[in-house]
Amino acid sequence: MKKKNYKKVAKNVIDLEIKALKKLKSSINNSFNEAVDAIVNCQSKVILCGVGKSGLIAAKISATLSSVGTPSFSLSANDCSHGDLGSISKKDILILISYSGSSEELRNIIKYANRNKIQLIGIVSKKNSILYKASDIKLLTPEVAEAGLGIVPTSSTINQLSIGDALAVASLNKKKISKKDFKNFHPSGSLGAQLKTVEDLMLTKDKIPFINEGSNMKDALKIITQKKLGTLIVKNNKGNTTGIITDGQIRRVSQKNNFLHSLQIKKVMTKNPIKVSKEILAIKALAIMNEKKITSLCVYGLPNKSKTIGIVHIHNLLDNNIG
């Protein structure tokens, strides 16, 4: 039997979903602005709810909102009729998601929201539905052709998911959430690792292997052995960083000089070492190390770039899953 090739099916599904997204893009109007303002100004929680596949979309949008600093959770439409409506307070915002807007499970939720004057945002595709009519803010998603017998929720759920992502990102922009804020919402996992800054990982204070440029190599050998980083940061009497010296340099100098111990540091060091701001992402620091073929970087804090406030070693980065 000849094996069937389903690539054509896949491309057809994707084509339908692209068309749906283009229709959604054209449908965005001032109601979207109203929804963003309502979410950002919410004094309590943003609660999302949907039926069936829309319920799964609601859970994902809720998680995305929470990840950008908007307290949010999702409820099962079915469970709402069995006690979970008590989770919704008058200061909350309720976002209901439904393609038809007329699911029986939504009626009790809509009545509860209207009766208790809870602000209701409806994401719906049917204008003549109870959800559209009852919503304070109406986000009308376009009616679209579904893939799979023309009835399997595909194009419609892509649109629901996309408008939810758009609400989350627009809210992030309005709140002026920074990468640093976003990192605080994601302290663990690979995403948290990629958002770490050099300041999160650098060694500071007495862990920095400092040596004065007027010291000799005997002192350098003692400190580099104690600190175990294979690197010394050289500074002058004003505390400004003037150079760097590595154990590799020391070995090479020792092979050429019989008076290594009495040799002055500033005659051996590499001047003007590469420095980075404490604010840069750790992954960028790793890229610099790889490009320059070095294993550590001096770290400064503004406004004084001349003083080293930390050192970041490649081991610090790799041990924290950077890269």
C-alpha atoms as a PDB file:
ATOM      1  CA  MET A   1       0.000   0.000   0.000  1.00  0.00           C
ATOM      2  CA  LYS A   2       1.313   3.396  -0.960  1.00  0.00           C
ATOM      3  CA  LYS A   3       2.116   5.565   2.033  1.00  0.00           C
ATOM      4  CA  LYS A   4      -0.011   8.716   2.042  1.00  0.00           C
ATOM      5  CA  ASN A   5       1.734  12.072   2.228  1.00  0.00           C
ATOM      6  CA  TYR A   6      -0.032  14.442   4.635  1.00  0.00           C
ATOM      7  CA  LYS A   7       2.065  17.524   3.925  1.00  0.00           C
ATOM      8  CA  LYS A   8      -0.728  18.945   1.774  1.00  0.00           C
ATOM      9  CA  VAL A   9      -3.171  18.567   4.675  1.00  0.00           C
ATOM     10  CA  ALA A  10      -0.760  20.350   7.025  1.00  0.00           C
ATOM     11  CA  LYS A  11      -0.277  23.238   4.613  1.00  0.00           C
ATOM     12  CA  ASN A  12      -4.028  23.562   4.109  1.00  0.00           C
ATOM     13  CA  VAL A  13      -4.612  23.775   7.870  1.00  0.00           C
ATOM     14  CA  ILE A  14      -1.926  26.431   8.202  1.00  0.00           C
ATOM     15  CA  ASP A  15      -3.314  28.388   5.236  1.00  0.00           C
ATOM     16  CA  LEU A  16      -6.766  28.477   6.846  1.00  0.00           C
ATOM     17  CA  GLU A  17      -5.290  29.662  10.135  1.00  0.00           C
ATOM     18  CA  ILE A  18      -3.249  32.368   8.420  1.00  0.00           C
ATOM     19  CA  LYS A  19      -6.419  33.630   6.715  1.00  0.00           C
ATOM     20  CA  ALA A  20      -8.165  33.623  10.089  1.00  0.00           C
ATOM     21  CA  LEU A  21      -5.367  35.654  11.686  1.00  0.00           C
ATOM     22  CA  LYS A  22      -5.475  38.190   8.854  1.00  0.00           C
ATOM     23  CA  LYS A  23      -9.212  38.644   9.441  1.00  0.00           C
ATOM     24  CA  LEU A  24      -8.557  39.026  13.164  1.00  0.00           C
ATOM     25  CA  LYS A  25      -5.900  41.663  12.521  1.00  0.00           C
ATOM     26  CA  SER A  26      -8.345  43.691  10.433  1.00  0.00           C
ATOM     27  CA  SER A  27     -11.025  43.434  13.125  1.00  0.00           C
ATOM     28  CA  ILE A  28      -9.021  45.083  15.946  1.00  0.00           C
ATOM     29  CA  ASN A  29     -10.772  48.319  16.983  1.00  0.00           C
ATOM     30  CA  ASN A  30     -11.171  50.676  19.955  1.00  0.00           C
ATOM     31  CA  SER A  31     -12.765  47.942  22.040  1.00  0.00           C
ATOM     32  CA  PHE A  32      -9.313  46.400  22.260  1.00  0.00           C
ATOM     33  CA  ASN A  33      -7.975  49.633  23.812  1.00  0.00           C
ATOM     34  CA  GLU A  34     -10.838  49.587  26.316  1.00  0.00           C
ATOM     35  CA  ALA A  35     -10.027  45.996  27.262  1.00  0.00           C
ATOM     36  CA  VAL A  36      -6.338  46.789  27.814  1.00  0.00           C
ATOM     37  CA  ASP A  37      -7.192  49.800  29.992  1.00  0.00           C
ATOM     38  CA  ALA A  38      -9.615  47.689  32.037  1.00  0.00           C
ATOM     39  CA  ILE A  39      -7.021  44.940  32.578  1.00  0.00           C
ATOM     40  CA  VAL A  40      -4.252  47.346  33.586  1.00  0.00           C
ATOM     41  CA  ASN A  41      -6.536  49.321  35.923  1.00  0.00           C
ATOM     42  CA  CYS A  42      -8.038  46.222  37.554  1.00  0.00           C
ATOM     43  CA  GLN A  43      -7.904  46.536  41.348  1.00  0.00           C
ATOM     44  CA  SER A  44      -8.033  42.799  41.924  1.00  0.00           C
ATOM     45  CA  LYS A  45      -7.738  39.776  39.609  1.00  0.00           C
ATOM     46  CA  VAL A  46      -8.420  39.072  35.939  1.00  0.00           C
ATOM     47  CA  ILE A  47     -10.401  35.844  35.687  1.00  0.00           C
ATOM     48  CA  LEU A  48     -10.760  33.933  32.427  1.00  0.00           C
ATOM     49  CA  CYS A  49     -13.311  31.300  31.602  1.00  0.00           C
ATOM     50  CA  GLY A  50     -14.420  29.335  28.578  1.00  0.00           C
ATOM     51  CA  VAL A  51     -16.150  26.129  27.535  1.00  0.00           C
ATOM     52  CA  GLY A  52     -14.347  23.166  25.960  1.00  0.00           C
ATOM     53  CA  LYS A  53     -11.388  24.193  23.789  1.00  0.00           C
ATOM     54  CA  SER A  54     -12.045  27.836  24.691  1.00  0.00           C
ATOM     55  CA  GLY A  55     -11.531  26.851  28.325  1.00  0.00           C
ATOM     56  CA  LEU A  56      -8.050  25.574  27.494  1.00  0.00           C
ATOM     57  CA  ILE A  57      -7.315  28.832  25.675  1.00  0.00           C
ATOM     58  CA  ALA A  58      -8.549  30.747  28.742  1.00  0.00           C
ATOM     59  CA  ALA A  59      -6.066  28.884  30.947  1.00  0.00           C
ATOM     60  CA  LYS A  60      -3.186  29.740  28.627  1.00  0.00           C
ATOM     61  CA  ILE A  61      -4.094  33.444  28.388  1.00  0.00           C
ATOM     62  CA  SER A  62      -4.429  33.598  32.170  1.00  0.00           C
ATOM     63  CA  ALA A  63      -0.946  32.126  32.590  1.00  0.00           C
ATOM     64  CA  THR A  64       0.475  34.660  30.119  1.00  0.00           C
ATOM     65  CA  LEU A  65      -1.168  37.587  31.927  1.00  0.00           C
ATOM     66  CA  SER A  66       0.235  36.391  35.253  1.00  0.00           C
ATOM     67  CA  SER A  67       3.687  36.090  33.691  1.00  0.00           C
ATOM     68  CA  VAL A  68       3.662  39.804  32.824  1.00  0.00           C
ATOM     69  CA  GLY A  69       2.505  41.029  36.212  1.00  0.00           C
ATOM     70  CA  THR A  70      -1.294  40.889  35.969  1.00  0.00           C
ATOM     71  CA  PRO A  71      -2.738  38.646  38.728  1.00  0.00           C
ATOM     72  CA  SER A  72      -4.939  36.165  36.915  1.00  0.00           C
ATOM     73  CA  PHE A  73      -6.422  32.688  37.071  1.00  0.00           C
ATOM     74  CA  SER A  74      -8.817  30.614  34.995  1.00  0.00           C
ATOM     75  CA  LEU A  75     -12.044  28.873  35.984  1.00  0.00           C
ATOM     76  CA  SER A  76     -13.846  25.916  34.460  1.00  0.00           C
ATOM     77  CA  ALA A  77     -17.214  26.981  33.092  1.00  0.00           C
ATOM     78  CA  ASN A  78     -18.718  23.710  34.292  1.00  0.00           C
ATOM     79  CA  ASP A  79     -17.365  24.129  37.828  1.00  0.00           C
ATOM     80  CA  CYS A  80     -18.755  27.668  38.019  1.00  0.00           C
ATOM     81  CA  SER A  81     -22.257  26.224  38.229  1.00  0.00           C
ATOM     82  CA  HIS A  82     -21.181  24.145  41.219  1.00  0.00           C
ATOM     83  CA  GLY A  83     -19.722  26.715  43.578  1.00  0.00           C
ATOM     84  CA  ASP A  84     -16.747  28.296  41.800  1.00  0.00           C
ATOM     85  CA  LEU A  85     -18.646  31.517  41.060  1.00  0.00           C
ATOM     86  CA  GLY A  86     -17.815  32.435  44.659  1.00  0.00           C
ATOM     87  CA  SER A  87     -14.186  32.873  43.524  1.00  0.00           C
ATOM     88  CA  ILE A  88     -15.168  35.998  41.567  1.00  0.00           C
ATOM     89  CA  SER A  89     -15.355  39.264  43.496  1.00  0.00           C
ATOM     90  CA  LYS A  90     -16.837  42.627  42.489  1.00  0.00           C
ATOM     91  CA  LYS A  91     -13.389  44.155  41.947  1.00  0.00           C
ATOM     92  CA  ASP A  92     -12.371  41.422  39.529  1.00  0.00           C
ATOM     93  CA  ILE A  93     -12.589  41.540  35.746  1.00  0.00           C
ATOM     94  CA  LEU A  94     -14.146  38.525  34.066  1.00  0.00           C
ATOM     95  CA  ILE A  95     -13.121  37.549  30.537  1.00  0.00           C
ATOM     96  CA  LEU A  96     -15.402  34.984  28.917  1.00  0.00           C
ATOM     97  CA  ILE A  97     -14.268  33.237  25.734  1.00  0.00           C
ATOM     98  CA  SER A  98     -16.664  31.505  23.368  1.00  0.00           C
ATOM     99  CA  TYR A  99     -16.950  31.233  19.605  1.00  0.00           C
ATOM    100  CA  SER A 100     -20.752  31.008  19.606  1.00  0.00           C
ATOM    101  CA  GLY A 101     -21.300  32.993  22.801  1.00  0.00           C
ATOM    102  CA  SER A 102     -24.444  30.964  23.473  1.00  0.00           C
ATOM    103  CA  SER A 103     -23.184  27.898  25.355  1.00  0.00           C
ATOM    104  CA  GLU A 104     -25.556  26.883  28.109  1.00  0.00           C
ATOM    105  CA  GLU A 105     -22.672  26.731  30.625  1.00  0.00           C
ATOM    106  CA  LEU A 106     -22.037  30.468  30.115  1.00  0.00           C
ATOM    107  CA  ARG A 107     -25.529  31.649  31.032  1.00  0.00           C
ATOM    108  CA  ASN A 108     -25.180  31.267  34.811  1.00  0.00           C
ATOM    109  CA  ILE A 109     -21.755  32.971  34.727  1.00  0.00           C
ATOM    110  CA  ILE A 110     -23.063  35.905  32.680  1.00  0.00           C
ATOM    111  CA  LYS A 111     -26.085  36.319  34.994  1.00  0.00           C
ATOM    112  CA  TYR A 112     -23.816  36.258  38.036  1.00  0.00           C
ATOM    113  CA  ALA A 113     -21.483  38.869  36.546  1.00  0.00           C
ATOM    114  CA  ASN A 114     -24.321  41.202  35.502  1.00  0.00           C
ATOM    115  CA  ARG A 115     -26.165  40.795  38.809  1.00  0.00           C
ATOM    116  CA  ASN A 116     -23.031  41.623  40.838  1.00  0.00           C
ATOM    117  CA  LYS A 117     -21.841  44.398  38.485  1.00  0.00           C
ATOM    118  CA  ILE A 118     -18.605  42.561  37.675  1.00  0.00           C
ATOM    119  CA  GLN A 119     -16.987  44.022  34.577  1.00  0.00           C
ATOM    120  CA  LEU A 120     -17.337  41.520  31.747  1.00  0.00           C
ATOM    121  CA  ILE A 121     -15.130  41.317  28.659  1.00  0.00           C
ATOM    122  CA  GLY A 122     -16.472  38.988  25.994  1.00  0.00           C
ATOM    123  CA  ILE A 123     -14.271  37.389  23.332  1.00  0.00           C
ATOM    124  CA  VAL A 124     -16.889  36.067  20.931  1.00  0.00           C
ATOM    125  CA  SER A 125     -17.642  35.658  17.216  1.00  0.00           C
ATOM    126  CA  LYS A 126     -21.462  35.855  17.121  1.00  0.00           C
ATOM    127  CA  LYS A 127     -23.094  39.278  17.436  1.00  0.00           C
ATOM    128  CA  ASN A 128     -26.521  37.868  18.180  1.00  0.00           C
ATOM    129  CA  SER A 129     -25.239  35.806  21.155  1.00  0.00           C
ATOM    130  CA  ILE A 130     -26.029  36.313  24.825  1.00  0.00           C
ATOM    131  CA  LEU A 131     -22.321  36.832  25.577  1.00  0.00           C
ATOM    132  CA  TYR A 132     -21.936  39.616  23.030  1.00  0.00           C
ATOM    133  CA  LYS A 133     -25.052  41.418  24.245  1.00  0.00           C
ATOM    134  CA  ALA A 134     -24.185  41.087  27.934  1.00  0.00           C
ATOM    135  CA  SER A 135     -20.512  42.097  27.726  1.00  0.00           C
ATOM    136  CA  ASP A 136     -19.369  45.521  28.942  1.00  0.00           C
ATOM    137  CA  ILE A 137     -16.450  45.348  26.500  1.00  0.00           C
ATOM    138  CA  LYS A 138     -17.035  43.369  23.321  1.00  0.00           C
ATOM    139  CA  LEU A 139     -14.065  41.844  21.490  1.00  0.00           C
ATOM    140  CA  LEU A 140     -15.682  40.488  18.360  1.00  0.00           C
ATOM    141  CA  THR A 141     -13.451  37.923  16.681  1.00  0.00           C
ATOM    142  CA  PRO A 142     -14.296  37.200  13.026  1.00  0.00           C
ATOM    143  CA  GLU A 143     -16.173  34.117  11.950  1.00  0.00           C
ATOM    144  CA  VAL A 144     -13.646  31.868  10.204  1.00  0.00           C
ATOM    145  CA  ALA A 145     -13.410  28.586   8.299  1.00  0.00           C
ATOM    146  CA  GLU A 146     -12.263  25.732  10.525  1.00  0.00           C
ATOM    147  CA  ALA A 147      -9.927  22.977   9.352  1.00  0.00           C
ATOM    148  CA  GLY A 148     -10.947  19.336   9.699  1.00  0.00           C
ATOM    149  CA  LEU A 149     -14.448  18.741   8.287  1.00  0.00           C
ATOM    150  CA  GLY A 150     -14.980  22.483   8.651  1.00  0.00           C
ATOM    151  CA  ILE A 151     -16.053  22.005  12.281  1.00  0.00           C
ATOM    152  CA  VAL A 152     -12.965  21.119  14.369  1.00  0.00           C
ATOM    153  CA  PRO A 153     -12.001  24.186  16.478  1.00  0.00           C
ATOM    154  CA  THR A 154      -8.728  25.250  14.857  1.00  0.00           C
ATOM    155  CA  SER A 155      -8.834  28.637  13.137  1.00  0.00           C
ATOM    156  CA  SER A 156     -11.196  30.005  15.792  1.00  0.00           C
ATOM    157  CA  THR A 157      -9.011  28.890  18.703  1.00  0.00           C
ATOM    158  CA  ILE A 158      -5.903  30.319  17.006  1.00  0.00           C
ATOM    159  CA  ASN A 159      -7.731  33.666  16.898  1.00  0.00           C
ATOM    160  CA  GLN A 160      -8.773  33.395  20.553  1.00  0.00           C
ATOM    161  CA  LEU A 161      -5.230  32.591  21.590  1.00  0.00           C
ATOM    162  CA  SER A 162      -3.796  35.422  19.483  1.00  0.00           C
ATOM    163  CA  ILE A 163      -6.095  38.101  20.837  1.00  0.00           C
ATOM    164  CA  GLY A 164      -5.277  36.884  24.349  1.00  0.00           C
ATOM    165  CA  ASP A 165      -1.550  37.186  23.634  1.00  0.00           C
ATOM    166  CA  ALA A 166      -2.163  40.652  22.189  1.00  0.00           C
ATOM    167  CA  LEU A 167      -3.995  41.719  25.369  1.00  0.00           C
ATOM    168  CA  ALA A 168      -1.143  40.435  27.536  1.00  0.00           C
ATOM    169  CA  VAL A 169       1.589  42.143  25.509  1.00  0.00           C
ATOM    170  CA  ALA A 170      -0.352  45.411  25.257  1.00  0.00           C
ATOM    171  CA  SER A 171      -0.865  45.324  29.039  1.00  0.00           C
ATOM    172  CA  LEU A 172       2.862  44.713  29.489  1.00  0.00           C
ATOM    173  CA  ASN A 173       3.610  47.782  27.350  1.00  0.00           C
ATOM    174  CA  LYS A 174       1.116  49.979  29.190  1.00  0.00           C
ATOM    175  CA  LYS A 175       2.557  48.917  32.566  1.00  0.00           C
ATOM    176  CA  LYS A 176       6.074  49.498  31.195  1.00  0.00           C
ATOM    177  CA  ILE A 177       7.243  46.087  32.373  1.00  0.00           C
ATOM    178  CA  SER A 178      11.012  45.772  31.805  1.00  0.00           C
ATOM    179  CA  LYS A 179      13.125  42.691  31.152  1.00  0.00           C
ATOM    180  CA  LYS A 180      14.242  42.926  34.774  1.00  0.00           C
ATOM    181  CA  ASP A 181      10.616  42.861  35.964  1.00  0.00           C
ATOM    182  CA  PHE A 182       9.886  39.960  33.641  1.00  0.00           C
ATOM    183  CA  LYS A 183      12.878  38.086  35.033  1.00  0.00           C
ATOM    184  CA  ASN A 184      11.452  38.484  38.545  1.00  0.00           C
ATOM    185  CA  PHE A 185       8.264  36.694  37.410  1.00  0.00           C
ATOM    186  CA  HIS A 186      10.409  33.832  35.997  1.00  0.00           C
ATOM    187  CA  PRO A 187      13.130  33.077  38.566  1.00  0.00           C
ATOM    188  CA  SER A 188      13.542  29.419  37.551  1.00  0.00           C
ATOM    189  CA  GLY A 189      13.885  27.300  34.453  1.00  0.00           C
ATOM    190  CA  SER A 190      15.589  28.008  31.154  1.00  0.00           C
ATOM    191  CA  LEU A 191      13.713  31.293  30.628  1.00  0.00           C
ATOM    192  CA  GLY A 192      14.815  32.567  34.033  1.00  0.00           C
ATOM    193  CA  ALA A 193      18.403  31.593  33.232  1.00  0.00           C
ATOM    194  CA  GLN A 194      18.397  33.483  29.925  1.00  0.00           C
ATOM    195  CA  LEU A 195      17.083  36.616  31.660  1.00  0.00           C
ATOM    196  CA  LYS A 196      19.767  36.711  34.360  1.00  0.00           C
ATOM    197  CA  THR A 197      22.096  39.681  34.291  1.00  0.00           C
ATOM    198  CA  VAL A 198      25.808  39.779  35.041  1.00  0.00           C
ATOM    199  CA  GLU A 199      24.944  41.367  38.396  1.00  0.00           C
ATOM    200  CA  ASP A 200      23.017  38.218  39.363  1.00  0.00           C
ATOM    201  CA  LEU A 201      26.059  35.989  38.896  1.00  0.00           C
ATOM    202  CA  MET A 202      29.193  38.074  39.456  1.00  0.00           C
ATOM    203  CA  LEU A 203      31.576  37.663  42.393  1.00  0.00           C
ATOM    204  CA  THR A 204      31.883  40.770  44.562  1.00  0.00           C
ATOM    205  CA  LYS A 205      33.792  42.342  47.461  1.00  0.00           C
ATOM    206  CA  ASP A 206      36.484  40.107  48.965  1.00  0.00           C
ATOM    207  CA  LYS A 207      35.861  37.414  46.351  1.00  0.00           C
ATOM    208  CA  ILE A 208      37.287  39.690  43.649  1.00  0.00           C
ATOM    209  CA  PRO A 209      40.975  38.787  43.066  1.00  0.00           C
ATOM    210  CA  PHE A 210      42.405  42.323  43.281  1.00  0.00           C
ATOM    211  CA  ILE A 211      46.096  43.166  43.289  1.00  0.00           C
ATOM    212  CA  ASN A 212      47.861  46.533  43.202  1.00  0.00           C
ATOM    213  CA  GLU A 213      49.869  47.299  40.069  1.00  0.00           C
ATOM    214  CA  GLY A 214      52.906  48.105  42.246  1.00  0.00           C
ATOM    215  CA  SER A 215      52.976  44.615  43.776  1.00  0.00           C
ATOM    216  CA  ASN A 216      55.388  41.935  42.606  1.00  0.00           C
ATOM    217  CA  MET A 217      54.788  38.560  41.064  1.00  0.00           C
ATOM    218  CA  LYS A 218      55.421  36.786  44.359  1.00  0.00           C
ATOM    219  CA  ASP A 219      52.281  38.478  45.733  1.00  0.00           C
ATOM    220  CA  ALA A 220      50.438  37.665  42.544  1.00  0.00           C
ATOM    221  CA  LEU A 221      51.178  33.954  42.840  1.00  0.00           C
ATOM    222  CA  LYS A 222      49.922  33.949  46.416  1.00  0.00           C
ATOM    223  CA  ILE A 223      46.600  35.707  45.605  1.00  0.00           C
ATOM    224  CA  ILE A 224      45.879  33.784  42.397  1.00  0.00           C
ATOM    225  CA  THR A 225      46.341  30.537  44.339  1.00  0.00           C
ATOM    226  CA  GLN A 226      44.000  31.712  47.133  1.00  0.00           C
ATOM    227  CA  LYS A 227      41.184  32.989  44.885  1.00  0.00           C
ATOM    228  CA  LYS A 228      41.282  29.990  42.514  1.00  0.00           C
ATOM    229  CA  LEU A 229      39.923  31.919  39.507  1.00  0.00           C
ATOM    230  CA  GLY A 230      43.066  31.848  37.397  1.00  0.00           C
ATOM    231  CA  THR A 231      42.804  35.635  37.029  1.00  0.00           C
ATOM    232  CA  LEU A 232      43.885  38.761  38.891  1.00  0.00           C
ATOM    233  CA  ILE A 233      42.374  42.232  38.426  1.00  0.00           C
ATOM    234  CA  VAL A 234      45.022  44.912  38.682  1.00  0.00           C
ATOM    235  CA  LYS A 235      44.206  48.324  40.151  1.00  0.00           C
ATOM    236  CA  ASN A 236      46.154  51.486  40.922  1.00  0.00           C
ATOM    237  CA  ASN A 237      46.313  53.453  44.167  1.00  0.00           C
ATOM    238  CA  LYS A 238      43.065  55.255  43.272  1.00  0.00           C
ATOM    239  CA  GLY A 239      41.218  51.950  42.985  1.00  0.00           C
ATOM    240  CA  ASN A 240      40.809  52.204  39.220  1.00  0.00           C
ATOM    241  CA  THR A 241      41.253  49.057  37.159  1.00  0.00           C
ATOM    242  CA  THR A 242      44.368  49.265  35.021  1.00  0.00           C
ATOM    243  CA  GLY A 243      44.922  45.703  33.866  1.00  0.00           C
ATOM    244  CA  ILE A 244      44.399  41.986  34.225  1.00  0.00           C
ATOM    245  CA  ILE A 245      46.775  39.069  34.585  1.00  0.00           C
ATOM    246  CA  THR A 246      46.096  35.352  34.162  1.00  0.00           C
ATOM    247  CA  ASP A 247      47.868  32.237  35.375  1.00  0.00           C
ATOM    248  CA  GLY A 248      48.752  31.528  31.733  1.00  0.00           C
ATOM    249  CA  GLN A 249      50.619  34.825  31.509  1.00  0.00           C
ATOM    250  CA  ILE A 250      52.465  34.045  34.733  1.00  0.00           C
ATOM    251  CA  ARG A 251      53.588  30.658  33.400  1.00  0.00           C
ATOM    252  CA  ARG A 252      54.792  32.168  30.141  1.00  0.00           C
ATOM    253  CA  VAL A 253      56.724  34.934  31.932  1.00  0.00           C
ATOM    254  CA  SER A 254      58.288  32.447  34.355  1.00  0.00           C
ATOM    255  CA  GLN A 255      59.752  30.491  31.410  1.00  0.00           C
ATOM    256  CA  LYS A 256      61.495  33.616  30.091  1.00  0.00           C
ATOM    257  CA  ASN A 257      62.520  35.343  33.339  1.00  0.00           C
ATOM    258  CA  ASN A 258      64.730  34.036  36.128  1.00  0.00           C
ATOM    259  CA  PHE A 259      63.638  36.822  38.491  1.00  0.00           C
ATOM    260  CA  LEU A 260      59.870  36.240  38.344  1.00  0.00           C
ATOM    261  CA  HIS A 261      59.131  36.873  42.039  1.00  0.00           C
ATOM    262  CA  SER A 262      60.598  40.373  42.027  1.00  0.00           C
ATOM    263  CA  LEU A 263      58.989  41.405  38.723  1.00  0.00           C
ATOM    264  CA  GLN A 264      56.395  44.200  39.042  1.00  0.00           C
ATOM    265  CA  ILE A 265      52.801  43.379  38.124  1.00  0.00           C
ATOM    266  CA  LYS A 266      52.341  46.355  35.811  1.00  0.00           C
ATOM    267  CA  LYS A 267      55.185  45.091  33.629  1.00  0.00           C
ATOM    268  CA  VAL A 268      53.409  41.786  33.042  1.00  0.00           C
ATOM    269  CA  MET A 269      49.686  42.628  33.049  1.00  0.00           C
ATOM    270  CA  THR A 270      47.448  43.092  30.019  1.00  0.00           C
ATOM    271  CA  LYS A 271      46.363  46.725  30.012  1.00  0.00           C
ATOM    272  CA  ASN A 272      42.773  47.917  29.514  1.00  0.00           C
ATOM    273  CA  PRO A 273      40.965  44.647  30.221  1.00  0.00           C
ATOM    274  CA  ILE A 274      37.537  44.022  28.695  1.00  0.00           C
ATOM    275  CA  LYS A 275      34.804  45.356  30.969  1.00  0.00           C
ATOM    276  CA  VAL A 276      31.030  44.966  30.927  1.00  0.00           C
ATOM    277  CA  SER A 277      28.167  46.689  32.715  1.00  0.00           C
ATOM    278  CA  LYS A 278      26.475  44.846  35.560  1.00  0.00           C
ATOM    279  CA  GLU A 279      23.187  45.426  33.691  1.00  0.00           C
ATOM    280  CA  ILE A 280      23.923  43.336  30.589  1.00  0.00           C
ATOM    281  CA  LEU A 281      22.417  39.880  30.192  1.00  0.00           C
ATOM    282  CA  ALA A 282      24.652  37.035  31.321  1.00  0.00           C
ATOM    283  CA  ILE A 283      24.201  35.313  27.955  1.00  0.00           C
ATOM    284  CA  LYS A 284      25.697  38.382  26.237  1.00  0.00           C
ATOM    285  CA  ALA A 285      28.664  38.238  28.610  1.00  0.00           C
ATOM    286  CA  LEU A 286      29.175  34.597  27.615  1.00  0.00           C
ATOM    287  CA  ALA A 287      29.105  35.586  23.941  1.00  0.00           C
ATOM    288  CA  ILE A 288      31.810  38.186  24.588  1.00  0.00           C
ATOM    289  CA  MET A 289      33.965  35.582  26.355  1.00  0.00           C
ATOM    290  CA  ASN A 290      33.577  33.157  23.476  1.00  0.00           C
ATOM    291  CA  GLU A 291      34.362  35.820  20.879  1.00  0.00           C
ATOM    292  CA  LYS A 292      37.450  37.114  22.716  1.00  0.00           C
ATOM    293  CA  LYS A 293      38.519  33.614  23.855  1.00  0.00           C
ATOM    294  CA  ILE A 294      38.748  34.657  27.506  1.00  0.00           C
ATOM    295  CA  THR A 295      37.333  33.139  30.703  1.00  0.00           C
ATOM    296  CA  SER A 296      36.437  36.175  32.832  1.00  0.00           C
ATOM    297  CA  LEU A 297      35.241  39.764  32.592  1.00  0.00           C
ATOM    298  CA  CYS A 298      35.595  42.806  34.831  1.00  0.00           C
ATOM    299  CA  VAL A 299      32.229  44.276  35.788  1.00  0.00           C
ATOM    300  CA  TYR A 300      31.535  47.959  36.384  1.00  0.00           C
ATOM    301  CA  GLY A 301      28.557  49.941  37.623  1.00  0.00           C
ATOM    302  CA  LEU A 302      27.601  53.349  36.283  1.00  0.00           C
ATOM    303  CA  PRO A 303      28.624  56.116  36.380  1.00  0.00           C
ATOM    304  CA  ASN A 304      32.219  55.005  37.082  1.00  0.00           C
ATOM    305  CA  LYS A 305      33.486  52.598  34.448  1.00  0.00           C
ATOM    306  CA  SER A 306      37.028  52.756  35.834  1.00  0.00           C
ATOM    307  CA  LYS A 307      36.319  50.818  39.029  1.00  0.00           C
ATOM    308  CA  THR A 308      35.634  47.098  39.037  1.00  0.00           C
ATOM    309  CA  ILE A 309      32.730  46.117  41.316  1.00  0.00           C
ATOM    310  CA  GLY A 310      32.635  42.456  40.336  1.00  0.00           C
ATOM    311  CA  ILE A 311      34.111  39.707  38.244  1.00  0.00           C
ATOM    312  CA  VAL A 312      32.158  37.154  36.247  1.00  0.00           C
ATOM    313  CA  HIS A 313      33.874  33.886  35.346  1.00  0.00           C
ATOM    314  CA  ILE A 314      32.759  31.501  32.628  1.00  0.00           C
ATOM    315  CA  HIS A 315      32.189  28.836  35.292  1.00  0.00           C
ATOM    316  CA  ASN A 316      29.626  31.128  36.993  1.00  0.00           C
ATOM    317  CA  LEU A 317      27.706  31.266  33.729  1.00  0.00           C
ATOM    318  CA  LEU A 318      27.864  27.587  32.821  1.00  0.00           C
ATOM    319  CA  ASP A 319      26.955  26.505  36.357  1.00  0.00           C
ATOM    320  CA  ASN A 320      23.777  28.581  36.030  1.00  0.00           C
ATOM    321  CA  ASN A 321      22.754  27.075  32.678  1.00  0.00           C
ATOM    322  CA  ILE A 322      23.621  30.199  30.710  1.00  0.00           C
ATOM    323  CA  GLY A 323      24.218  29.454  27.068  1.00  0.00           C
END
